[in-house]
Amino acid sequence: MKVRAILPAVVAATVFSTSARMLHAQGLSVFAMGTVSSLYAKNLYSEFGTDFQSSYKVGGGLTLGAEFRMNRILGVEGSYTVSRNNLAVTNTTNSSEQGYGIHNQRFAADAVAHAPISFLRLKPYLAAGVEFDHFSAPSSTTFSGLPNVTFGAANKVGVNYGGGVDWGFLPHIALRIDVRDHLTGIPTYGFPSSAATRAYFPVSGLANNLEYSAGIVFHVG
């Protein structure tokens, strides 16, 4: 009975000790960065005989994440980003513009390759991976001149790639500058590509979001 009672505690302690040694030996980093989001998805389209242009304004956001270093060079990174870009819809006939505050929540998983050596405490890295983006907008507003229009959420799977540099100005803290390009399908917020009586949004193609970020990295292990 005593052996059965003690054995689970011994196993748990062994697993915890092994995990702690792995994290210490291979490295765990967490980071927080402010982001400038320049979402590019310009389209020209016609709705009920009126010509429109849709595009996105530059916005800002916040990225939180962590990286597990498998060795000196390779790591695996997970991050969460929340950002905002205003969707601008312009009536090209009278040049009137309507804006909509679009929110984006992103979950990304990336492989990271770090330079094996640093120069003046600067260490560059490259990253690439996949992501899931959730775009949302005001629930009820005026879209293309039609009142009481309900925006739906848009979920997109995409890819990203880029890189940056860490400046290790303290033993366990670094400043980071990061540039990433995020590619997803253009969100349509639940609007159809054509309709007889309701608002529609006949746009397609890729949305290209080039993001510039800067922040702090904490090396835990």
Foldseek 3Di string as FASTA:
>chain_A
DVCVVCVVVVVVVVVVVVVVVQCVQFWKKKWKKKKWKQKFFWDWDDAPRFIKIKTKAIWIKMKIWMWTGNHLFKIKIKMKMKMWIWIWIAGVVVRDIDIWIKIKIKIWIKMKTWDNDADQQKIKIKIKTKMKMKIDTDQFQADPNRGGDGFAIFIWIWMKIWMWMWRCPDPFKTKIKIKMKIKTWDDFRPADLHDDPDDHDNGIDIIIMIMIIITMMGIDD
